[in-house]
Protein backbone atom coordinates (compact mmCIF):
# COMPACT_ATOMS: atom_id res chain seq x y z
CA MET A 1 153.35 -50.60 77.62
CA SER A 2 155.18 -52.64 74.99
CA ARG A 3 151.93 -53.74 73.31
CA HIS A 4 148.59 -51.97 73.28
CA VAL A 5 145.83 -53.54 75.38
CA HIS A 6 142.19 -53.38 74.30
CA VAL A 7 138.86 -54.38 75.82
CA ILE A 8 136.86 -56.00 73.03
CA GLY A 9 133.92 -57.59 74.86
CA ILE A 10 131.92 -56.94 78.03
CA ALA A 11 129.11 -58.39 80.13
CA ARG A 12 127.56 -57.94 83.54
CA THR A 13 124.63 -59.18 85.58
CA ASP A 14 121.65 -57.32 86.95
CA PHE A 15 122.86 -56.30 90.41
CA LYS A 16 119.35 -56.57 91.84
CA ARG A 17 119.49 -60.37 91.61
CA ASN A 18 119.80 -62.79 94.50
CA PHE A 19 121.73 -65.82 93.24
CA ARG A 20 120.75 -68.12 96.10
CA LYS A 21 117.04 -67.41 95.59
CA GLU A 22 117.55 -68.34 91.93
CA GLY A 23 119.19 -71.60 92.98
CA LEU A 24 122.52 -70.41 91.57
CA THR A 25 126.09 -70.41 92.87
CA LEU A 26 129.15 -68.29 92.20
CA ARG A 27 130.12 -70.78 89.49
CA ASP A 28 126.88 -70.03 87.63
CA ALA A 29 127.54 -66.30 87.74
CA VAL A 30 131.13 -66.68 86.50
CA VAL A 31 130.03 -68.92 83.64
CA GLU A 32 127.12 -66.65 82.70
CA VAL A 33 129.08 -63.43 82.32
CA GLY A 34 132.23 -65.07 80.97
CA ARG A 35 130.28 -66.75 78.19
CA ALA A 36 128.42 -63.50 77.43
CA ALA A 37 131.60 -61.42 77.25
CA ILE A 38 133.26 -63.86 74.85
CA ALA A 39 130.18 -63.72 72.63
CA ASP A 40 130.11 -59.91 72.87
CA ALA A 41 133.72 -59.87 71.63
CA GLY A 42 132.70 -61.92 68.60
CA LEU A 43 135.13 -64.71 69.47
CA GLU A 44 134.91 -68.44 69.80
CA PRO A 45 135.83 -69.67 73.30
CA ALA A 46 138.93 -71.39 71.87
CA ALA A 47 140.42 -67.93 71.20
CA VAL A 48 140.76 -67.29 74.96
CA GLU A 49 144.31 -68.10 76.03
CA ALA A 50 144.15 -67.36 79.78
CA GLY A 51 141.74 -66.23 82.45
CA ILE A 52 141.55 -64.45 85.79
CA VAL A 53 138.79 -64.29 88.40
CA GLY A 54 138.70 -61.28 90.71
CA ASN A 55 137.02 -62.06 94.03
CA PHE A 56 137.39 -60.90 97.61
CA ALA A 57 135.80 -63.39 99.98
CA ALA A 58 134.13 -66.37 98.32
CA GLY A 59 135.81 -68.61 100.86
CA LEU A 60 133.87 -66.84 103.62
CA TYR A 61 130.63 -66.02 101.81
CA THR A 62 130.24 -69.35 99.96
CA ARG A 63 133.07 -71.62 101.20
CA GLN A 64 134.31 -71.88 97.61
CA LEU A 65 137.85 -71.00 96.56
CA HIS A 66 140.14 -72.12 93.71
CA LEU A 67 138.05 -69.78 91.60
CA GLY A 68 140.16 -69.62 88.44
CA SER A 69 139.10 -73.18 87.71
CA LEU A 70 135.47 -72.07 87.37
CA LEU A 71 136.33 -70.40 84.06
CA VAL A 72 136.83 -73.71 82.28
CA ASP A 73 133.15 -74.51 82.86
CA ILE A 74 132.33 -71.83 80.28
CA ASP A 75 133.34 -74.14 77.45
CA GLU A 76 135.38 -77.32 77.01
CA ALA A 77 137.74 -75.33 74.77
CA LEU A 78 138.99 -73.52 77.90
CA VAL A 79 140.14 -76.68 79.67
CA GLY A 80 143.90 -76.47 79.93
CA ILE A 81 144.36 -72.67 79.88
CA PRO A 82 146.24 -70.99 82.75
CA THR A 83 143.96 -69.31 85.27
CA LEU A 84 144.25 -67.65 88.65
CA HIS A 85 142.26 -65.76 91.28
CA THR A 86 143.22 -62.25 92.46
CA GLU A 87 142.31 -60.86 95.88
CA ALA A 88 142.90 -57.27 96.98
CA ALA A 89 139.74 -56.63 99.02
CA CYS A 90 137.43 -54.28 97.08
CA ALA A 91 140.16 -53.76 94.45
CA SER A 92 140.17 -57.48 93.54
CA GLY A 93 138.46 -56.86 90.18
CA SER A 94 140.73 -54.05 89.00
CA VAL A 95 143.82 -55.99 90.04
CA ALA A 96 142.52 -58.85 87.89
CA VAL A 97 142.08 -56.50 84.91
CA LEU A 98 145.53 -55.03 85.43
CA ASN A 99 147.20 -58.45 85.66
CA ALA A 100 145.54 -59.49 82.41
CA ALA A 101 146.76 -56.26 80.80
CA HIS A 102 150.32 -57.02 81.94
CA TRP A 103 150.15 -60.45 80.30
CA ILE A 104 149.02 -58.97 77.01
CA ALA A 105 151.44 -56.04 77.08
CA ALA A 106 154.31 -58.43 77.76
CA GLY A 107 153.36 -60.64 74.81
CA LEU A 108 152.49 -63.67 76.92
CA HIS A 109 148.92 -63.88 75.62
CA ASP A 110 146.73 -62.24 72.98
CA VAL A 111 143.30 -62.81 74.55
CA VAL A 112 142.54 -62.95 78.29
CA LEU A 113 139.14 -63.28 79.93
CA VAL A 114 138.63 -61.47 83.24
CA VAL A 115 135.60 -62.12 85.45
CA GLY A 116 134.89 -60.30 88.69
CA ALA A 117 132.26 -61.87 90.92
CA GLU A 118 130.89 -61.87 94.46
CA GLN A 119 127.94 -63.62 96.10
CA GLN A 120 127.23 -61.74 99.31
CA LYS A 121 123.58 -62.59 99.99
CA THR A 122 124.42 -65.89 101.67
CA MET A 123 124.21 -64.51 105.22
CA SER A 124 122.69 -61.72 107.27
CA PRO A 125 123.96 -58.14 106.83
CA ALA A 126 125.54 -58.32 110.29
CA GLU A 127 127.46 -61.47 109.39
CA GLY A 128 128.41 -59.95 106.04
CA SER A 129 129.78 -56.88 107.80
CA GLU A 130 132.19 -59.13 109.67
CA VAL A 131 133.38 -60.62 106.37
CA LEU A 132 133.97 -57.15 104.92
CA ALA A 133 136.03 -56.22 107.97
CA ALA A 134 138.72 -58.58 106.69
CA ALA A 135 139.62 -55.81 104.23
CA GLY A 136 141.17 -53.96 107.15
CA ASP A 137 143.73 -54.99 109.74
CA TRP A 138 141.43 -57.38 111.57
CA ASN A 139 143.67 -58.23 114.53
CA VAL A 140 144.37 -54.59 115.35
CA GLU A 141 141.35 -52.66 114.13
CA LYS A 142 138.51 -55.00 115.10
CA PRO A 143 139.13 -54.60 118.85
CA LEU A 144 139.25 -50.82 118.37
CA TYR A 145 136.08 -50.38 116.31
CA GLY A 146 133.89 -53.35 117.22
CA GLU A 147 130.89 -54.12 115.02
CA HIS A 148 130.44 -52.17 111.77
CA MET A 149 134.18 -51.80 111.67
CA MET A 150 134.52 -50.51 108.09
CA PRO A 151 131.73 -47.90 108.31
CA LYS A 152 133.17 -46.62 111.57
CA MET A 153 136.63 -46.34 110.02
CA PHE A 154 135.26 -44.27 107.14
CA ALA A 155 133.24 -42.19 109.59
CA GLY A 156 136.61 -41.42 111.16
CA ILE A 157 137.85 -40.24 107.76
CA ALA A 158 134.80 -37.96 107.54
CA ASP A 159 135.50 -36.59 111.04
CA ARG A 160 139.13 -35.88 110.19
CA TYR A 161 138.12 -34.22 106.90
CA ALA A 162 135.52 -32.07 108.70
CA ALA A 163 138.07 -30.95 111.28
CA LEU A 164 140.45 -29.79 108.54
CA HIS A 165 138.11 -28.46 105.88
CA GLY A 166 134.57 -28.44 107.20
CA LEU A 167 131.95 -30.94 106.05
CA SER A 168 128.18 -31.04 106.29
CA GLU A 169 125.84 -34.00 106.16
CA ARG A 170 124.09 -32.18 103.31
CA GLU A 171 127.25 -32.48 101.23
CA LEU A 172 127.51 -36.19 101.98
CA SER A 173 123.83 -36.64 101.15
CA THR A 174 124.28 -34.83 97.84
CA VAL A 175 126.76 -37.55 96.83
CA VAL A 176 124.09 -40.11 97.70
CA LEU A 177 121.35 -38.32 95.75
CA LYS A 178 123.59 -37.90 92.70
CA ASN A 179 124.41 -41.58 92.54
CA TYR A 180 120.80 -42.66 93.03
CA ALA A 181 119.74 -40.26 90.27
CA HIS A 182 122.31 -41.84 87.94
CA ALA A 183 121.22 -45.36 88.93
CA ALA A 184 117.65 -44.54 87.95
CA ARG A 185 118.97 -44.35 84.37
CA ASN A 186 120.73 -47.72 84.60
CA PRO A 187 118.47 -50.72 83.87
CA LEU A 188 120.87 -53.10 85.68
CA ALA A 189 121.46 -51.04 88.84
CA GLN A 190 120.48 -52.55 92.18
CA MET A 191 118.73 -49.38 93.38
CA ARG A 192 117.28 -48.25 90.03
CA ALA A 193 113.73 -48.26 91.35
CA ALA A 194 114.48 -46.68 94.73
CA GLU A 195 113.14 -43.19 95.31
CA MET A 196 115.83 -41.06 96.88
CA THR A 197 115.53 -37.41 97.81
CA LEU A 198 117.90 -35.10 99.61
CA GLU A 199 115.55 -35.07 102.59
CA LYS A 200 115.55 -38.88 102.76
CA ALA A 201 119.33 -39.03 102.55
CA LEU A 202 119.65 -36.35 105.25
CA THR A 203 117.11 -37.76 107.70
CA ALA A 204 118.19 -40.25 110.31
CA CYS A 205 115.36 -42.64 111.19
CA ASP A 206 114.71 -46.30 111.93
CA ALA A 207 115.05 -47.13 108.22
CA ASN A 208 118.14 -44.95 107.85
CA PRO A 209 119.99 -44.95 111.16
CA ARG A 210 123.08 -42.85 111.77
CA PHE A 211 124.94 -45.96 112.93
CA ALA A 212 128.45 -44.62 112.33
CA PRO A 213 128.12 -40.84 112.76
CA PRO A 214 128.10 -38.85 110.57
CA LEU A 215 127.38 -41.76 108.19
CA LYS A 216 123.92 -43.25 107.84
CA ILE A 217 122.86 -46.40 106.00
CA SER A 218 122.18 -44.30 102.90
CA ASP A 219 125.83 -43.20 102.86
CA CYS A 220 126.95 -46.82 102.41
CA SER A 221 127.44 -49.03 99.37
CA GLN A 222 125.06 -51.92 98.76
CA ILE A 223 125.25 -55.60 99.71
CA THR A 224 125.17 -57.19 96.29
CA ASP A 225 125.29 -60.41 94.33
CA GLY A 226 126.83 -59.74 90.94
CA ALA A 227 129.40 -60.46 88.28
CA ALA A 228 131.03 -58.61 85.41
CA ALA A 229 133.42 -59.71 82.68
CA VAL A 230 135.73 -58.18 80.09
CA VAL A 231 137.74 -59.72 77.28
CA LEU A 232 141.15 -58.08 76.96
CA ALA A 233 143.15 -58.50 73.77
CA SER A 234 146.24 -57.36 71.93
CA GLU A 235 146.19 -55.03 68.92
CA ARG A 236 145.84 -58.05 66.66
CA PHE A 237 142.30 -58.60 67.94
CA ALA A 238 141.33 -54.92 68.31
CA ARG A 239 137.89 -53.93 67.07
CA ARG A 240 136.42 -50.61 65.96
CA ARG A 241 134.06 -51.00 68.91
CA GLY A 242 136.29 -51.25 71.95
CA LEU A 243 138.34 -49.58 74.61
CA ARG A 244 142.08 -49.06 74.84
CA LEU A 245 144.07 -48.93 78.07
CA LEU A 246 146.12 -45.74 77.87
CA GLY A 247 147.77 -45.75 81.28
CA PHE A 248 147.59 -47.12 84.80
CA GLY A 249 148.89 -46.74 88.34
CA HIS A 250 148.86 -49.31 91.12
CA THR A 251 149.98 -48.53 94.68
CA THR A 252 149.71 -49.99 98.17
CA ASP A 253 149.56 -48.15 101.49
CA HIS A 254 149.76 -49.51 105.04
CA LEU A 255 146.86 -51.77 105.96
CA ARG A 256 145.95 -49.92 109.15
CA ILE A 257 144.05 -46.65 108.80
CA ASP A 258 146.05 -44.99 111.57
CA GLN A 259 149.25 -45.48 109.55
CA LYS A 260 147.88 -43.55 106.56
CA ARG A 261 147.83 -39.82 105.87
CA VAL A 262 144.14 -38.99 106.24
CA PRO A 263 142.39 -37.44 104.35
CA GLU A 264 145.12 -36.73 101.78
CA PHE A 265 145.81 -40.39 100.90
CA PRO A 266 149.06 -39.77 98.97
CA GLN A 267 149.20 -43.31 97.60
CA VAL A 268 145.91 -42.68 95.80
CA ARG A 269 147.40 -39.54 94.28
CA ARG A 270 150.54 -41.47 93.35
CA ALA A 271 148.51 -44.11 91.47
CA ALA A 272 146.60 -41.39 89.64
CA GLU A 273 149.76 -39.51 88.71
CA GLN A 274 151.30 -42.71 87.34
CA ALA A 275 148.20 -43.28 85.21
CA TYR A 276 148.08 -39.69 83.93
CA ALA A 277 151.78 -39.72 83.06
CA MET A 278 151.59 -43.02 81.15
CA ALA A 279 148.48 -41.92 79.27
CA GLY A 280 149.80 -38.44 78.55
CA VAL A 281 146.64 -36.78 79.87
CA GLY A 282 145.58 -34.72 82.86
CA PRO A 283 142.42 -34.51 84.95
CA ARG A 284 140.84 -31.92 82.64
CA ASP A 285 141.22 -34.29 79.68
CA LEU A 286 138.79 -36.78 81.19
CA HIS A 287 135.20 -36.89 79.99
CA THR A 288 133.79 -39.33 82.56
CA ALA A 289 135.01 -41.46 85.45
CA GLU A 290 134.06 -44.36 87.66
CA LEU A 291 135.42 -44.16 91.19
CA HIS A 292 135.09 -46.14 94.37
CA ASP A 293 132.26 -44.64 96.44
CA CYS A 294 132.04 -47.34 99.10
CA PHE A 295 130.85 -44.53 101.37
CA SER A 296 129.80 -41.00 100.48
CA ILE A 297 132.91 -39.52 102.11
CA THR A 298 135.11 -41.72 99.91
CA GLU A 299 133.86 -40.04 96.76
CA LEU A 300 134.66 -36.57 98.10
CA VAL A 301 138.18 -37.36 99.32
CA THR A 302 138.90 -39.21 96.08
CA TYR A 303 137.99 -36.14 93.99
CA GLU A 304 140.89 -34.44 95.71
CA ALA A 305 143.35 -37.34 95.74
CA LEU A 306 142.85 -37.87 91.99
CA GLY A 307 143.76 -34.24 91.34
CA TRP A 308 140.31 -33.00 90.32
CA ALA A 309 140.06 -30.51 93.19
CA GLU A 310 142.49 -29.06 95.69
CA GLN A 311 142.49 -30.21 99.30
CA GLY A 312 139.19 -29.26 100.88
CA GLY A 313 137.63 -28.56 97.49
CA GLY A 314 135.80 -31.82 96.86
CA ALA A 315 132.43 -30.58 98.11
CA ALA A 316 132.70 -27.42 96.01
CA LEU A 317 133.42 -29.55 92.94
CA LEU A 318 130.30 -31.61 93.68
CA ALA A 319 128.21 -28.48 94.24
CA SER A 320 129.36 -27.02 90.92
CA GLY A 321 127.59 -29.81 89.06
CA ALA A 322 130.76 -31.00 87.33
CA THR A 323 130.44 -34.59 88.57
CA THR A 324 126.69 -34.95 87.93
CA LEU A 325 125.18 -35.95 84.59
CA PRO A 326 123.87 -32.72 82.98
CA GLN A 327 120.40 -34.22 82.73
CA ASP A 328 120.32 -34.76 86.52
CA ARG A 329 121.84 -31.51 87.81
CA ASP A 330 118.53 -29.83 88.48
CA ARG A 331 117.19 -32.89 90.34
CA VAL A 332 120.33 -33.19 92.48
CA GLY A 333 120.36 -29.47 93.22
CA VAL A 334 123.85 -28.67 91.97
CA GLY A 335 125.17 -26.08 89.54
CA MET A 336 123.90 -26.19 85.98
CA LYS A 337 126.93 -24.65 84.24
CA PRO A 338 130.17 -25.89 85.84
CA ALA A 339 133.55 -24.70 84.56
CA PHE A 340 134.15 -28.22 83.24
CA SER A 341 132.11 -31.42 83.11
CA LEU A 342 133.27 -34.78 84.46
CA PRO A 343 130.23 -36.96 85.27
CA VAL A 344 131.21 -39.51 87.90
CA ASN A 345 129.64 -42.92 88.54
CA THR A 346 127.18 -42.57 85.68
CA GLY A 347 125.60 -45.96 86.42
CA GLY A 348 125.10 -45.23 90.13
CA GLY A 349 128.43 -46.23 91.62
CA LEU A 350 128.77 -48.60 94.55
CA ILE A 351 126.13 -46.68 96.51
CA ALA A 352 123.33 -47.22 94.00
CA ASP A 353 124.44 -49.49 91.14
CA GLY A 354 125.71 -51.96 93.75
CA HIS A 355 128.93 -53.35 95.16
CA PRO A 356 129.52 -57.07 94.55
CA VAL A 357 133.01 -56.60 95.91
CA GLY A 358 135.12 -58.69 93.53
CA ALA A 359 133.12 -57.52 90.53
CA THR A 360 133.27 -53.78 91.16
CA GLY A 361 136.59 -53.02 89.45
CA VAL A 362 135.50 -55.00 86.39
CA ARG A 363 132.04 -53.40 86.38
CA GLN A 364 133.70 -49.99 86.26
CA VAL A 365 135.46 -50.98 83.04
CA VAL A 366 132.15 -52.22 81.60
CA GLU A 367 130.58 -48.83 82.36
CA VAL A 368 133.30 -46.75 80.70
CA PHE A 369 133.33 -49.16 77.73
CA GLN A 370 129.65 -48.36 77.23
CA GLN A 371 130.25 -44.64 77.63
CA VAL A 372 133.14 -44.45 75.17
CA ASN A 373 131.27 -46.58 72.62
CA ARG A 374 128.03 -44.58 73.01
CA GLU A 375 126.13 -47.56 74.40
CA ALA A 376 125.13 -46.03 77.75
CA GLY A 377 121.58 -45.16 76.76
CA ASP A 378 119.81 -42.62 78.96
CA ARG A 379 122.97 -41.97 80.99
CA GLN A 380 125.27 -41.32 77.99
CA VAL A 381 127.90 -38.62 78.41
CA ASP A 382 128.08 -36.62 75.18
CA GLY A 383 131.48 -36.82 73.51
CA ALA A 384 132.94 -39.29 76.01
CA ARG A 385 136.28 -40.47 74.60
CA THR A 386 138.65 -40.51 77.57
CA ALA A 387 137.67 -42.05 80.90
CA MET A 388 139.16 -43.03 84.23
CA THR A 389 138.41 -45.91 86.55
CA PHE A 390 139.56 -45.81 90.16
CA ASN A 391 139.06 -48.87 92.35
CA MET A 392 140.44 -49.29 95.85
CA GLY A 393 140.58 -51.94 98.53
CA GLY A 394 140.43 -51.60 102.31
CA SER A 395 140.65 -48.14 103.83
CA LEU A 396 142.22 -46.82 100.60
CA THR A 397 145.01 -49.37 101.00
CA THR A 398 145.23 -50.80 97.46
CA SER A 399 144.69 -48.19 94.74
CA VAL A 400 144.28 -48.93 91.03
CA ALA A 401 143.80 -46.04 88.61
CA MET A 402 143.35 -46.71 84.89
CA ILE A 403 142.89 -44.30 81.96
CA TRP A 404 140.90 -45.53 78.99
CA GLY A 405 140.31 -44.22 75.49
CA GLY A 406 138.43 -45.15 72.37
CA ALA A 407 139.63 -48.10 70.33
CA ALA A 408 141.27 -45.76 67.82
CA GLY A 409 142.58 -43.48 70.57
């Protein structure tokens, strides 16, 4: 990158909220977190030179589009700045962050505000499932899979993985338990108060049906209203408290799942390798990571695609305790002394922190910002200085990997 890019301010909402019940709209959420992130950066609104909103499906969930324009409602000083809206299914937020980073690295702007937001609780879960199916190849895949299209597609990934490497529901449920245990330490997580045990995650019942075998409801990410924001800036605005983008990779695979290499997902690996090469680090240099656990199987296959474990080794990595916060390893039932430590989804991930689709990629950056700046409270990773975020859209169609370091890193 020709100029260094820093995150200097962050904000997010409580993912347990229901905006409609509060009488709020997506505009209110964008304004709330955007204003808070600018204040967190210690800037006046007039310092913001451009803005981006990451969002997947506001046109379907809320019938509102033209979302970049919502940013100017933060303050009159923002009227006139260039804005836009990015959409890449569940990777909409990270694509927004990456586009802002490109602007700064290229010298087009010094300060860019990025807000990721989604309001999903405007319809029933069944209706919402149909909206989420637009992340796949609707015209081809919907007739094949029917209702619950996306869960069934990821269940197919789990079946293919099991045929090649073996896979138990206990291993999938351990991912679930880990992320719920982490969420219990996150005061803004959607499922922070939920009591999850391995037995609950393993047991299929009326409250937890196995509706896309082997996946149950507990294996799925949450339906969430939420927003997150970051202020990105050039070196000129860098602060001692902050986060520096060290490297990134951005790739796109075929839209249809049957045109991808499953479960290897080489375009995920390619994005990760681009990020590692640019940052000059490898997987063992990471201290923590946020990755896209839209379903429990996604976390396991991503361990491997990101180069943390060899093919078929994702479950063993989980069992070692490496990806669990040390303070939760006994509760989760994983190893207490792994060969290396890389706590993953320290705030609960999509499964337990929540998944407001357009906000997820931005929320991941907020989480690693807090980790690197020792602001993560009860879920703090000791010595966290280098972190990775991995956000994807569709059936691992759009992949965005970013490596982050401390402000002085």
